[in-house]
Amino acid sequence: MFDLSKPLWINWELNNICNLMCPQCGRNDIVDGKLVFKKSAGTLNNHDNSLETFKKVYNNIEYPIEKISFQGHVSENVASKDFLEICDFVISKGTRIHISTNGSLRSKKWWYELGKIFSLSSTSKCYFSLDGMGPELGIYRVGANYDKVIENAVSFIEGGGKAYWRMIIFKHNQHQIEDAKKEADRLGFHDFVTTHTNRRYMMNTPYEYRGKTYVLENQDMFPEWNKRVEENKKYFEDSELEEISCKAINENQFYIDYTNKVWACYYIPNKNKLSHEQDWYKEYHEDNSNNLEEKTFNQIINNKFYSALEMSWDLDNKCLSSCKNNCSIKTGINRAFQYKSGKVLKNVSGGEIQSHVEEI
């Protein structure tokens, strides 16, 4: 499935800890009008990988690693107690790092030290999720403090790190795009990027958290994007299987969850609903030995799960719904959006949950 003659990319989850309550995150749900942890997410905030464990797992991959993305799907990777030391180790191996963070944890001194580590790698970067300025940030990043995130980002930049301001566009922040871009430039961010989400759940649903009421609304300044998302949704619900353009294969990238278990990508890990779809998924899901503390990467990817996954893309009754939804040619390719022209673009690397604007 992966081209082992070429360097690998890894999407790596170090823990299951997060300090925020974003309503569209896989950790959370709205039940009876209240924002709560999702039951299907299991026990949260109780697992973290040490530097010692990380080194063991890293060495068990046994192939060159070009890039590691610490991009949490149920976590804030910066929350890991040994995160500084882990980044120092990775960069010392010549591997570049991409971080996606809410930026609201740790001290200014800590972020300055991380910036110093990142200054040793010209291609490593950190994306700060700043989905709004001032109080608007907390409408989606529930619990985040704008001033705290800005202080941390500036400290990272002062340490020599390359910081990016990344903004998911919602109705509550769409009027701030140009001001945010100017502020990013003033503060020394390397670049400013916007993101359009194709997530439609939890939209327009009032919810309460810690005595405060929120409502998340979809942006309405880019109708072409909304139209495309709705077309893709209808296509997925109504049509038969189309050709799969696997993002993991195209990027030569796999996913490691916080238990150090290997998955083909970050769309399919630990989903009980997929266990009901295919027995080969259920078997792999329930086998906890397929982690890089106990086995090498080569041993794990020789599991029949990976061959069954590839073969399933040609069979409508075998293909996982997550593969159809995220990486089919029709639903998974038209993801990127060009801010200046207002055009929906082609993205041959496969589907993405949230896609960056190509031009700003």
Foldseek 3Di string as FASTA:
>chain_A
DFDLVDAAEEEEEFFLDDDWQFDVAPQWHFDPQAIDGDVLVPDGDPFGDDLVLVVLLVVLQVGHHAEYEPEDRNYFRVPHPCVLVNLLVCVVSVHAYEYEHCQQDDDLVVLLSSLLSQQSPPPHAYEHEQAAAAPLSCLRRPPGGRVSSLSSQLSSVVSHHAYEYEHEDFQSHPVCVVVVQVVCVVSPHPHYWYKYFLDDPQAQRWHDDPHDIHHTHHHDPQVVQVVLSVVLVVCLVPHFAAAFQALLRLNSYWYQHNLQATDSHDLDAPDVVQVVQDVLSVVSNPPSCRGSNNHHPVVNCVRVSNVQQVVQSVPRSRHGSSRRCWTGQSNWFQGEAADPVSDGDGHSSTHDRMYIHPYD
